[in-house]
Full PDB file with SEQRES, HELIX, SHEET, SSBOND, CRYST1, ORIGX, SCALE, CONECT and MASTER records, all heavy atoms in Angstrom:
SEQRES   1 A   43  LEU MET VAL THR SER SER VAL ILE LEU ALA ALA LEU GLY          
SEQRES   2 A   43  TYR GLY VAL THR THR ILE MET LEU SER THR VAL ILE VAL          
SEQRES   3 A   43  VAL GLY LEU THR LEU MET ALA SER ILE ILE ALA VAL ARG          
SEQRES   4 A   43  ARG PHE ILE SER                                              
HELIX    1 AA1 MET A    2  ALA A   11  1                                  10    
HELIX    2 AA2 VAL A   16  PHE A   41  1                                  26    
CRYST1    1.000    1.000    1.000  90.00  90.00  90.00 P 1           1          
ORIGX1      1.000000  0.000000  0.000000        0.00000                         
ORIGX2      0.000000  1.000000  0.000000        0.00000                         
ORIGX3      0.000000  0.000000  1.000000        0.00000                         
SCALE1      1.000000  0.000000  0.000000        0.00000                         
SCALE2      0.000000  1.000000  0.000000        0.00000                         
SCALE3      0.000000  0.000000  1.000000        0.00000                         
ATOM      1  N   LEU A   1     122.744 105.436 -40.481  1.00  0.00           N  
ATOM      2  CA  LEU A   1     122.694 104.314 -39.567  1.00  0.00           C  
ATOM      3  C   LEU A   1     121.317 103.631 -39.621  1.00  0.00           C  
ATOM      4  O   LEU A   1     121.217 102.398 -39.600  1.00  0.00           O  
ATOM      5  CB  LEU A   1     122.993 104.746 -38.133  1.00  0.00           C  
ATOM      6  CG  LEU A   1     124.458 104.940 -37.774  1.00  0.00           C  
ATOM      7  CD1 LEU A   1     124.588 105.494 -36.336  1.00  0.00           C  
ATOM      8  CD2 LEU A   1     125.204 103.606 -37.888  1.00  0.00           C  
ATOM      9  N   MET A   2     120.279 104.443 -39.649  1.00  0.00           N  
ATOM     10  CA  MET A   2     118.926 103.862 -39.680  1.00  0.00           C  
ATOM     11  C   MET A   2     118.713 103.015 -40.916  1.00  0.00           C  
ATOM     12  O   MET A   2     118.241 101.862 -40.840  1.00  0.00           O  
ATOM     13  CB  MET A   2     117.888 104.971 -39.659  1.00  0.00           C  
ATOM     14  CG  MET A   2     117.689 105.663 -38.320  1.00  0.00           C  
ATOM     15  SD  MET A   2     116.360 106.894 -38.429  1.00  0.00           S  
ATOM     16  CE  MET A   2     116.565 107.719 -36.839  1.00  0.00           C  
ATOM     17  N   VAL A   3     119.013 103.581 -42.081  1.00  0.00           N  
ATOM     18  CA  VAL A   3     118.777 102.880 -43.350  1.00  0.00           C  
ATOM     19  C   VAL A   3     119.678 101.640 -43.457  1.00  0.00           C  
ATOM     20  O   VAL A   3     119.225 100.558 -43.848  1.00  0.00           O  
ATOM     21  CB  VAL A   3     118.984 103.807 -44.560  1.00  0.00           C  
ATOM     22  CG1 VAL A   3     118.888 103.030 -45.856  1.00  0.00           C  
ATOM     23  CG2 VAL A   3     117.962 104.934 -44.519  1.00  0.00           C  
ATOM     24  N   THR A   4     120.937 101.789 -43.072  1.00  0.00           N  
ATOM     25  CA  THR A   4     121.892 100.672 -43.136  1.00  0.00           C  
ATOM     26  C   THR A   4     121.440  99.528 -42.249  1.00  0.00           C  
ATOM     27  O   THR A   4     121.441  98.351 -42.678  1.00  0.00           O  
ATOM     28  CB  THR A   4     123.311 101.134 -42.746  1.00  0.00           C  
ATOM     29  OG1 THR A   4     123.706 102.205 -43.593  1.00  0.00           O  
ATOM     30  CG2 THR A   4     124.279  99.995 -42.866  1.00  0.00           C  
ATOM     31  N   SER A   5     121.066  99.829 -40.997  1.00  0.00           N  
ATOM     32  CA  SER A   5     120.609  98.781 -40.113  1.00  0.00           C  
ATOM     33  C   SER A   5     119.330  98.137 -40.618  1.00  0.00           C  
ATOM     34  O   SER A   5     119.162  96.903 -40.492  1.00  0.00           O  
ATOM     35  CB  SER A   5     120.417  99.351 -38.698  1.00  0.00           C  
ATOM     36  OG  SER A   5     119.407 100.338 -38.684  1.00  0.00           O  
ATOM     37  N   SER A   6     118.437  98.925 -41.212  1.00  0.00           N  
ATOM     38  CA  SER A   6     117.176  98.377 -41.746  1.00  0.00           C  
ATOM     39  C   SER A   6     117.459  97.382 -42.870  1.00  0.00           C  
ATOM     40  O   SER A   6     116.863  96.317 -42.948  1.00  0.00           O  
ATOM     41  CB  SER A   6     116.278  99.508 -42.237  1.00  0.00           C  
ATOM     42  OG  SER A   6     115.929 100.344 -41.188  1.00  0.00           O  
ATOM     43  N   VAL A   7     118.357  97.770 -43.782  1.00  0.00           N  
ATOM     44  CA  VAL A   7     118.688  96.889 -44.907  1.00  0.00           C  
ATOM     45  C   VAL A   7     119.366  95.612 -44.430  1.00  0.00           C  
ATOM     46  O   VAL A   7     119.030  94.499 -44.890  1.00  0.00           O  
ATOM     47  CB  VAL A   7     119.619  97.624 -45.907  1.00  0.00           C  
ATOM     48  CG1 VAL A   7     120.193  96.677 -46.953  1.00  0.00           C  
ATOM     49  CG2 VAL A   7     118.851  98.747 -46.595  1.00  0.00           C  
ATOM     50  N   ILE A   8     120.301  95.731 -43.495  1.00  0.00           N  
ATOM     51  CA  ILE A   8     120.986  94.540 -42.974  1.00  0.00           C  
ATOM     52  C   ILE A   8     120.032  93.596 -42.296  1.00  0.00           C  
ATOM     53  O   ILE A   8     120.034  92.379 -42.509  1.00  0.00           O  
ATOM     54  CB  ILE A   8     122.113  94.963 -42.019  1.00  0.00           C  
ATOM     55  CG1 ILE A   8     123.241  95.682 -42.799  1.00  0.00           C  
ATOM     56  CG2 ILE A   8     122.712  93.733 -41.316  1.00  0.00           C  
ATOM     57  CD1 ILE A   8     124.330  96.267 -41.921  1.00  0.00           C  
ATOM     58  N   LEU A   9     119.139  94.159 -41.430  1.00  0.00           N  
ATOM     59  CA  LEU A   9     118.187  93.303 -40.727  1.00  0.00           C  
ATOM     60  C   LEU A   9     117.206  92.648 -41.672  1.00  0.00           C  
ATOM     61  O   LEU A   9     116.849  91.475 -41.486  1.00  0.00           O  
ATOM     62  CB  LEU A   9     117.449  94.140 -39.666  1.00  0.00           C  
ATOM     63  CG  LEU A   9     118.298  94.591 -38.473  1.00  0.00           C  
ATOM     64  CD1 LEU A   9     117.509  95.617 -37.622  1.00  0.00           C  
ATOM     65  CD2 LEU A   9     118.699  93.410 -37.618  1.00  0.00           C  
ATOM     66  N   ALA A  10     116.740  93.398 -42.689  1.00  0.00           N  
ATOM     67  CA  ALA A  10     115.842  92.806 -43.660  1.00  0.00           C  
ATOM     68  C   ALA A  10     116.531  91.698 -44.452  1.00  0.00           C  
ATOM     69  O   ALA A  10     115.920  90.655 -44.737  1.00  0.00           O  
ATOM     70  CB  ALA A  10     115.326  93.904 -44.631  1.00  0.00           C  
ATOM     71  N   ALA A  11     117.808  91.866 -44.784  1.00  0.00           N  
ATOM     72  CA  ALA A  11     118.540  90.861 -45.525  1.00  0.00           C  
ATOM     73  C   ALA A  11     118.720  89.606 -44.674  1.00  0.00           C  
ATOM     74  O   ALA A  11     118.757  88.499 -45.217  1.00  0.00           O  
ATOM     75  CB  ALA A  11     119.907  91.418 -45.917  1.00  0.00           C  
ATOM     76  N   LEU A  12     118.798  89.759 -43.377  1.00  0.00           N  
ATOM     77  CA  LEU A  12     118.951  88.630 -42.456  1.00  0.00           C  
ATOM     78  C   LEU A  12     117.621  87.958 -42.160  1.00  0.00           C  
ATOM     79  O   LEU A  12     117.570  86.978 -41.430  1.00  0.00           O  
ATOM     80  CB  LEU A  12     119.612  89.072 -41.158  1.00  0.00           C  
ATOM     81  CG  LEU A  12     121.074  89.569 -41.293  1.00  0.00           C  
ATOM     82  CD1 LEU A  12     121.576  90.102 -39.961  1.00  0.00           C  
ATOM     83  CD2 LEU A  12     121.979  88.401 -41.788  1.00  0.00           C  
ATOM     84  N   GLY A  13     116.525  88.507 -42.699  1.00  0.00           N  
ATOM     85  CA  GLY A  13     115.221  87.883 -42.506  1.00  0.00           C  
ATOM     86  C   GLY A  13     114.401  88.446 -41.358  1.00  0.00           C  
ATOM     87  O   GLY A  13     113.319  87.895 -41.080  1.00  0.00           O  
ATOM     88  N   TYR A  14     114.816  89.512 -40.742  1.00  0.00           N  
ATOM     89  CA  TYR A  14     114.034  90.087 -39.639  1.00  0.00           C  
ATOM     90  C   TYR A  14     112.919  90.952 -40.201  1.00  0.00           C  
ATOM     91  O   TYR A  14     112.980  91.441 -41.311  1.00  0.00           O  
ATOM     92  CB  TYR A  14     114.939  90.953 -38.730  1.00  0.00           C  
ATOM     93  CG  TYR A  14     115.936  90.138 -37.913  1.00  0.00           C  
ATOM     94  CD1 TYR A  14     117.256  89.974 -38.366  1.00  0.00           C  
ATOM     95  CD2 TYR A  14     115.534  89.512 -36.752  1.00  0.00           C  
ATOM     96  CE1 TYR A  14     118.152  89.208 -37.627  1.00  0.00           C  
ATOM     97  CE2 TYR A  14     116.438  88.743 -36.009  1.00  0.00           C  
ATOM     98  CZ  TYR A  14     117.763  88.583 -36.433  1.00  0.00           C  
ATOM     99  OH  TYR A  14     118.620  87.838 -35.715  1.00  0.00           O  
ATOM    100  N   GLY A  15     111.858  91.132 -39.385  1.00  0.00           N  
ATOM    101  CA  GLY A  15     110.685  91.858 -39.831  1.00  0.00           C  
ATOM    102  C   GLY A  15     110.652  93.302 -39.347  1.00  0.00           C  
ATOM    103  O   GLY A  15     111.645  93.846 -38.847  1.00  0.00           O  
ATOM    104  N   VAL A  16     109.476  93.891 -39.478  1.00  0.00           N  
ATOM    105  CA  VAL A  16     109.262  95.317 -39.149  1.00  0.00           C  
ATOM    106  C   VAL A  16     109.582  95.637 -37.680  1.00  0.00           C  
ATOM    107  O   VAL A  16     110.181  96.650 -37.383  1.00  0.00           O  
ATOM    108  CB  VAL A  16     107.815  95.720 -39.503  1.00  0.00           C  
ATOM    109  CG1 VAL A  16     107.533  97.122 -39.014  1.00  0.00           C  
ATOM    110  CG2 VAL A  16     107.580  95.625 -40.993  1.00  0.00           C  
ATOM    111  N   THR A  17     109.163  94.755 -36.772  1.00  0.00           N  
ATOM    112  CA  THR A  17     109.347  95.030 -35.340  1.00  0.00           C  
ATOM    113  C   THR A  17     110.846  95.203 -35.019  1.00  0.00           C  
ATOM    114  O   THR A  17     111.242  96.158 -34.339  1.00  0.00           O  
ATOM    115  CB  THR A  17     108.773  93.888 -34.512  1.00  0.00           C  
ATOM    116  OG1 THR A  17     107.386  93.764 -34.807  1.00  0.00           O  
ATOM    117  CG2 THR A  17     108.930  94.206 -33.019  1.00  0.00           C  
ATOM    118  N   THR A  18     111.685  94.282 -35.474  1.00  0.00           N  
ATOM    119  CA  THR A  18     113.127  94.366 -35.203  1.00  0.00           C  
ATOM    120  C   THR A  18     113.737  95.610 -35.858  1.00  0.00           C  
ATOM    121  O   THR A  18     114.597  96.283 -35.302  1.00  0.00           O  
ATOM    122  CB  THR A  18     113.833  93.101 -35.691  1.00  0.00           C  
ATOM    123  OG1 THR A  18     113.213  91.956 -35.102  1.00  0.00           O  
ATOM    124  CG2 THR A  18     115.299  93.114 -35.313  1.00  0.00           C  
ATOM    125  N   ILE A  19     113.295  95.900 -37.083  1.00  0.00           N  
ATOM    126  CA  ILE A  19     113.837  97.065 -37.789  1.00  0.00           C  
ATOM    127  C   ILE A  19     113.499  98.341 -37.039  1.00  0.00           C  
ATOM    128  O   ILE A  19     114.348  99.234 -36.889  1.00  0.00           O  
ATOM    129  CB  ILE A  19     113.269  97.118 -39.235  1.00  0.00           C  
ATOM    130  CG1 ILE A  19     113.884  95.982 -40.053  1.00  0.00           C  
ATOM    131  CG2 ILE A  19     113.547  98.453 -39.861  1.00  0.00           C  
ATOM    132  CD1 ILE A  19     113.311  95.850 -41.447  1.00  0.00           C  
ATOM    133  N   MET A  20     112.281  98.443 -36.528  1.00  0.00           N  
ATOM    134  CA  MET A  20     111.873  99.666 -35.794  1.00  0.00           C  
ATOM    135  C   MET A  20     112.575  99.743 -34.454  1.00  0.00           C  
ATOM    136  O   MET A  20     112.865 100.846 -33.938  1.00  0.00           O  
ATOM    137  CB  MET A  20     110.363  99.700 -35.630  1.00  0.00           C  
ATOM    138  CG  MET A  20     109.640  99.792 -36.950  1.00  0.00           C  
ATOM    139  SD  MET A  20     108.001 100.568 -36.848  1.00  0.00           S  
ATOM    140  CE  MET A  20     108.439 102.238 -36.510  1.00  0.00           C  
ATOM    141  N   LEU A  21     112.891  98.602 -33.830  1.00  0.00           N  
ATOM    142  CA  LEU A  21     113.661  98.615 -32.610  1.00  0.00           C  
ATOM    143  C   LEU A  21     115.050  99.172 -32.855  1.00  0.00           C  
ATOM    144  O   LEU A  21     115.604  99.958 -32.056  1.00  0.00           O  
ATOM    145  CB  LEU A  21     113.763  97.211 -32.024  1.00  0.00           C  
ATOM    146  CG  LEU A  21     114.581  97.063 -30.729  1.00  0.00           C  
ATOM    147  CD1 LEU A  21     113.995  97.902 -29.615  1.00  0.00           C  
ATOM    148  CD2 LEU A  21     114.648  95.581 -30.323  1.00  0.00           C  
ATOM    149  N   SER A  22     115.681  98.799 -33.960  1.00  0.00           N  
ATOM    150  CA  SER A  22     116.988  99.325 -34.306  1.00  0.00           C  
ATOM    151  C   SER A  22     116.909 100.838 -34.563  1.00  0.00           C  
ATOM    152  O   SER A  22     117.841 101.561 -34.208  1.00  0.00           O  
ATOM    153  CB  SER A  22     117.556  98.614 -35.550  1.00  0.00           C  
ATOM    154  OG  SER A  22     116.871  98.984 -36.712  1.00  0.00           O  
ATOM    155  N   THR A  23     115.796 101.303 -35.114  1.00  0.00           N  
ATOM    156  CA  THR A  23     115.620 102.747 -35.330  1.00  0.00           C  
ATOM    157  C   THR A  23     115.571 103.478 -34.014  1.00  0.00           C  
ATOM    158  O   THR A  23     116.151 104.580 -33.882  1.00  0.00           O  
ATOM    159  CB  THR A  23     114.308 102.986 -36.124  1.00  0.00           C  
ATOM    160  OG1 THR A  23     114.415 102.343 -37.394  1.00  0.00           O  
ATOM    161  CG2 THR A  23     114.083 104.482 -36.339  1.00  0.00           C  
ATOM    162  N   VAL A  24     114.880 102.938 -33.030  1.00  0.00           N  
ATOM    163  CA  VAL A  24     114.804 103.569 -31.709  1.00  0.00           C  
ATOM    164  C   VAL A  24     116.218 103.684 -31.109  1.00  0.00           C  
ATOM    165  O   VAL A  24     116.569 104.705 -30.515  1.00  0.00           O  
ATOM    166  CB  VAL A  24     113.896 102.749 -30.762  1.00  0.00           C  
ATOM    167  CG1 VAL A  24     114.015 103.261 -29.323  1.00  0.00           C  
ATOM    168  CG2 VAL A  24     112.457 102.814 -31.248  1.00  0.00           C  
ATOM    169  N   ILE A  25     117.023 102.675 -31.273  1.00  0.00           N  
ATOM    170  CA  ILE A  25     118.394 102.692 -30.751  1.00  0.00           C  
ATOM    171  C   ILE A  25     119.213 103.823 -31.432  1.00  0.00           C  
ATOM    172  O   ILE A  25     119.939 104.545 -30.788  1.00  0.00           O  
ATOM    173  CB  ILE A  25     119.068 101.319 -30.934  1.00  0.00           C  
ATOM    174  CG1 ILE A  25     118.382 100.271 -30.080  1.00  0.00           C  
ATOM    175  CG2 ILE A  25     120.553 101.390 -30.569  1.00  0.00           C  
ATOM    176  CD1 ILE A  25     118.848  98.835 -30.297  1.00  0.00           C  
ATOM    177  N   VAL A  26     119.058 103.905 -32.741  1.00  0.00           N  
ATOM    178  CA  VAL A  26     119.774 104.971 -33.488  1.00  0.00           C  
ATOM    179  C   VAL A  26     119.322 106.351 -33.030  1.00  0.00           C  
ATOM    180  O   VAL A  26     120.154 107.269 -32.879  1.00  0.00           O  
ATOM    181  CB  VAL A  26     119.570 104.803 -35.017  1.00  0.00           C  
ATOM    182  CG1 VAL A  26     120.184 105.964 -35.765  1.00  0.00           C  
ATOM    183  CG2 VAL A  26     120.225 103.490 -35.474  1.00  0.00           C  
ATOM    184  N   VAL A  27     118.040 106.522 -32.818  1.00  0.00           N  
ATOM    185  CA  VAL A  27     117.523 107.819 -32.348  1.00  0.00           C  
ATOM    186  C   VAL A  27     118.151 108.165 -30.990  1.00  0.00           C  
ATOM    187  O   VAL A  27     118.502 109.318 -30.707  1.00  0.00           O  
ATOM    188  CB  VAL A  27     115.994 107.792 -32.246  1.00  0.00           C  
ATOM    189  CG1 VAL A  27     115.469 109.061 -31.591  1.00  0.00           C  
ATOM    190  CG2 VAL A  27     115.392 107.665 -33.647  1.00  0.00           C  
ATOM    191  N   GLY A  28     118.275 107.151 -30.124  1.00  0.00           N  
ATOM    192  CA  GLY A  28     118.916 107.396 -28.836  1.00  0.00           C  
ATOM    193  C   GLY A  28     120.377 107.831 -28.945  1.00  0.00           C  
ATOM    194  O   GLY A  28     120.836 108.741 -28.261  1.00  0.00           O  
ATOM    195  N   LEU A  29     121.094 107.207 -29.885  1.00  0.00           N  
ATOM    196  CA  LEU A  29     122.476 107.616 -30.149  1.00  0.00           C  
ATOM    197  C   LEU A  29     122.570 109.017 -30.712  1.00  0.00           C  
ATOM    198  O   LEU A  29     123.484 109.790 -30.353  1.00  0.00           O  
ATOM    199  CB  LEU A  29     123.124 106.603 -31.095  1.00  0.00           C  
ATOM    200  CG  LEU A  29     123.318 105.173 -30.585  1.00  0.00           C  
ATOM    201  CD1 LEU A  29     123.825 104.254 -31.688  1.00  0.00           C  
ATOM    202  CD2 LEU A  29     124.260 105.157 -29.406  1.00  0.00           C  
ATOM    203  N   THR A  30     121.616 109.357 -31.550  1.00  0.00           N  
ATOM    204  CA  THR A  30     121.581 110.710 -32.126  1.00  0.00           C  
ATOM    205  C   THR A  30     121.343 111.755 -31.042  1.00  0.00           C  
ATOM    206  O   THR A  30     121.931 112.838 -31.077  1.00  0.00           O  
ATOM    207  CB  THR A  30     120.463 110.788 -33.192  1.00  0.00           C  
ATOM    208  OG1 THR A  30     120.652 109.789 -34.177  1.00  0.00           O  
ATOM    209  CG2 THR A  30     120.436 112.168 -33.837  1.00  0.00           C  
ATOM    210  N   LEU A  31     120.466 111.447 -30.101  1.00  0.00           N  
ATOM    211  CA  LEU A  31     120.246 112.345 -28.975  1.00  0.00           C  
ATOM    212  C   LEU A  31     121.505 112.587 -28.194  1.00  0.00           C  
ATOM    213  O   LEU A  31     121.832 113.746 -27.833  1.00  0.00           O  
ATOM    214  CB  LEU A  31     119.151 111.745 -28.049  1.00  0.00           C  
ATOM    215  CG  LEU A  31     118.907 112.438 -26.710  1.00  0.00           C  
ATOM    216  CD1 LEU A  31     118.521 113.899 -26.895  1.00  0.00           C  
ATOM    217  CD2 LEU A  31     117.868 111.680 -25.906  1.00  0.00           C  
ATOM    218  N   MET A  32     122.280 111.550 -27.915  1.00  0.00           N  
ATOM    219  CA  MET A  32     123.536 111.682 -27.177  1.00  0.00           C  
ATOM    220  C   MET A  32     124.508 112.556 -27.955  1.00  0.00           C  
ATOM    221  O   MET A  32     125.195 113.435 -27.400  1.00  0.00           O  
ATOM    222  CB  MET A  32     124.135 110.319 -26.907  1.00  0.00           C  
ATOM    223  CG  MET A  32     123.325 109.454 -25.965  1.00  0.00           C  
ATOM    224  SD  MET A  32     123.962 107.775 -25.820  1.00  0.00           S  
ATOM    225  CE  MET A  32     125.600 108.098 -25.166  1.00  0.00           C  
ATOM    226  N   ALA A  33     124.584 112.361 -29.279  1.00  0.00           N  
ATOM    227  CA  ALA A  33     125.499 113.171 -30.106  1.00  0.00           C  
ATOM    228  C   ALA A  33     125.088 114.647 -30.094  1.00  0.00           C  
ATOM    229  O   ALA A  33     125.972 115.540 -30.045  1.00  0.00           O  
ATOM    230  CB  ALA A  33     125.514 112.622 -31.543  1.00  0.00           C  
ATOM    231  N   SER A  34     123.808 114.914 -30.088  1.00  0.00           N  
ATOM    232  CA  SER A  34     123.312 116.294 -30.094  1.00  0.00           C  
ATOM    233  C   SER A  34     123.672 116.979 -28.775  1.00  0.00           C  
ATOM    234  O   SER A  34     124.032 118.168 -28.750  1.00  0.00           O  
ATOM    235  CB  SER A  34     121.800 116.314 -30.328  1.00  0.00           C  
ATOM    236  OG  SER A  34     121.471 115.733 -31.552  1.00  0.00           O  
ATOM    237  N   ILE A  35     123.533 116.270 -27.674  1.00  0.00           N  
ATOM    238  CA  ILE A  35     123.846 116.847 -26.357  1.00  0.00           C  
ATOM    239  C   ILE A  35     125.343 117.224 -26.308  1.00  0.00           C  
ATOM    240  O   ILE A  35     125.708 118.309 -25.856  1.00  0.00           O  
ATOM    241  CB  ILE A  35     123.508 115.852 -25.263  1.00  0.00           C  
ATOM    242  CG1 ILE A  35     121.978 115.638 -25.152  1.00  0.00           C  
ATOM    243  CG2 ILE A  35     124.042 116.338 -23.878  1.00  0.00           C  
ATOM    244  CD1 ILE A  35     121.576 114.535 -24.208  1.00  0.00           C  
ATOM    245  N   ILE A  36     126.178 116.308 -26.785  1.00  0.00           N  
ATOM    246  CA  ILE A  36     127.628 116.577 -26.785  1.00  0.00           C  
ATOM    247  C   ILE A  36     127.974 117.787 -27.644  1.00  0.00           C  
ATOM    248  O   ILE A  36     128.799 118.633 -27.258  1.00  0.00           O  
ATOM    249  CB  ILE A  36     128.386 115.322 -27.287  1.00  0.00           C  
ATOM    250  CG1 ILE A  36     128.233 114.166 -26.290  1.00  0.00           C  
ATOM    251  CG2 ILE A  36     129.872 115.629 -27.506  1.00  0.00           C  
ATOM    252  CD1 ILE A  36     128.757 112.832 -26.806  1.00  0.00           C  
ATOM    253  N   ALA A  37     127.327 117.911 -28.788  1.00  0.00           N  
ATOM    254  CA  ALA A  37     127.611 119.037 -29.692  1.00  0.00           C  
ATOM    255  C   ALA A  37     127.242 120.352 -29.038  1.00  0.00           C  
ATOM    256  O   ALA A  37     127.995 121.327 -29.140  1.00  0.00           O  
ATOM    257  CB  ALA A  37     126.851 118.834 -31.002  1.00  0.00           C  
ATOM    258  N   VAL A  38     126.059 120.445 -28.415  1.00  0.00           N  
ATOM    259  CA  VAL A  38     125.614 121.672 -27.783  1.00  0.00           C  
ATOM    260  C   VAL A  38     126.547 122.083 -26.637  1.00  0.00           C  
ATOM    261  O   VAL A  38     126.885 123.250 -26.446  1.00  0.00           O  
ATOM    262  CB  VAL A  38     124.177 121.582 -27.301  1.00  0.00           C  
ATOM    263  CG1 VAL A  38     123.784 122.759 -26.442  1.00  0.00           C  
ATOM    264  CG2 VAL A  38     123.226 121.485 -28.500  1.00  0.00           C  
ATOM    265  N   ARG A  39     126.975 121.113 -25.864  1.00  0.00           N  
ATOM    266  CA  ARG A  39     127.883 121.383 -24.727  1.00  0.00           C  
ATOM    267  C   ARG A  39     129.203 121.987 -25.169  1.00  0.00           C  
ATOM    268  O   ARG A  39     129.849 122.708 -24.439  1.00  0.00           O  
ATOM    269  CB  ARG A  39     128.144 120.087 -23.936  1.00  0.00           C  
ATOM    270  CG  ARG A  39     127.000 119.685 -23.021  1.00  0.00           C  
ATOM    271  CD  ARG A  39     127.388 118.469 -22.199  1.00  0.00           C  
ATOM    272  NE  ARG A  39     126.378 118.089 -21.232  1.00  0.00           N  
ATOM    273  CZ  ARG A  39     126.276 118.623 -20.022  1.00  0.00           C  
ATOM    274  NH1 ARG A  39     127.147 119.570 -19.643  1.00  0.00           N  
ATOM    275  NH2 ARG A  39     125.353 118.232 -19.190  1.00  0.00           N  
ATOM    276  N   ARG A  40     129.607 121.704 -26.400  1.00  0.00           N  
ATOM    277  CA  ARG A  40     130.917 122.188 -26.891  1.00  0.00           C  
ATOM    278  C   ARG A  40     130.931 123.652 -27.247  1.00  0.00           C  
ATOM    279  O   ARG A  40     131.965 124.282 -27.162  1.00  0.00           O  
ATOM    280  CB  ARG A  40     131.371 121.310 -28.082  1.00  0.00           C  
ATOM    281  CG  ARG A  40     131.827 119.928 -27.679  1.00  0.00           C  
ATOM    282  CD  ARG A  40     132.330 119.142 -28.866  1.00  0.00           C  
ATOM    283  NE  ARG A  40     132.902 117.857 -28.482  1.00  0.00           N  
ATOM    284  CZ  ARG A  40     133.367 116.962 -29.359  1.00  0.00           C  
ATOM    285  NH1 ARG A  40     133.353 117.225 -30.651  1.00  0.00           N  
ATOM    286  NH2 ARG A  40     133.858 115.828 -28.916  1.00  0.00           N  
ATOM    287  N   PHE A  41     129.784 124.190 -27.705  1.00  0.00           N  
ATOM    288  CA  PHE A  41     129.875 125.628 -28.137  1.00  0.00           C  
ATOM    289  C   PHE A  41     128.956 126.515 -27.326  1.00  0.00           C  
ATOM    290  O   PHE A  41     128.846 127.683 -27.674  1.00  0.00           O  
ATOM    291  CB  PHE A  41     129.596 125.756 -29.647  1.00  0.00           C  
ATOM    292  CG  PHE A  41     128.230 125.409 -30.129  1.00  0.00           C  
ATOM    293  CD1 PHE A  41     127.212 126.351 -30.070  1.00  0.00           C  
ATOM    294  CD2 PHE A  41     127.954 124.157 -30.596  1.00  0.00           C  
ATOM    295  CE1 PHE A  41     125.970 126.051 -30.560  1.00  0.00           C  
ATOM    296  CE2 PHE A  41     126.673 123.840 -31.045  1.00  0.00           C  
ATOM    297  CZ  PHE A  41     125.690 124.785 -31.049  1.00  0.00           C  
ATOM    298  N   ILE A  42     128.306 126.031 -26.256  1.00  0.00           N  
ATOM    299  CA  ILE A  42     127.640 126.890 -25.308  1.00  0.00           C  
ATOM    300  C   ILE A  42     128.254 126.656 -23.941  1.00  0.00           C  
ATOM    301  O   ILE A  42     128.004 125.649 -23.298  1.00  0.00           O  
ATOM    302  CB  ILE A  42     126.111 126.603 -25.263  1.00  0.00           C  
ATOM    303  CG1 ILE A  42     125.492 126.800 -26.632  1.00  0.00           C  
ATOM    304  CG2 ILE A  42     125.428 127.541 -24.256  1.00  0.00           C  
ATOM    305  CD1 ILE A  42     124.017 126.540 -26.700  1.00  0.00           C  
ATOM    306  N   SER A  43     129.124 127.569 -23.541  1.00  0.00           N  
ATOM    307  CA  SER A  43     129.969 127.353 -22.363  1.00  0.00           C  
ATOM    308  C   SER A  43     129.188 127.174 -21.069  1.00  0.00           C  
ATOM    309  O   SER A  43     129.579 126.408 -20.182  1.00  0.00           O  
ATOM    310  CB  SER A  43     130.959 128.510 -22.222  1.00  0.00           C  
ATOM    311  OG  SER A  43     130.266 129.738 -22.057  1.00  0.00           O  
TER     312      SER A  43                                                      
MASTER        0    0    0    2    0    0    0    6  311    1    0    4          
END                                                                             
């Protein structure tokens, strides 16, 4: 997700700031996925 969003944003003409903002959003989504995974196998 990070690399794909970076490539798409760069192709659309956005700079480093916007690309890094998209990275922060992906990291937040990854955190949520990790929480869900741990809840499933630790009762």
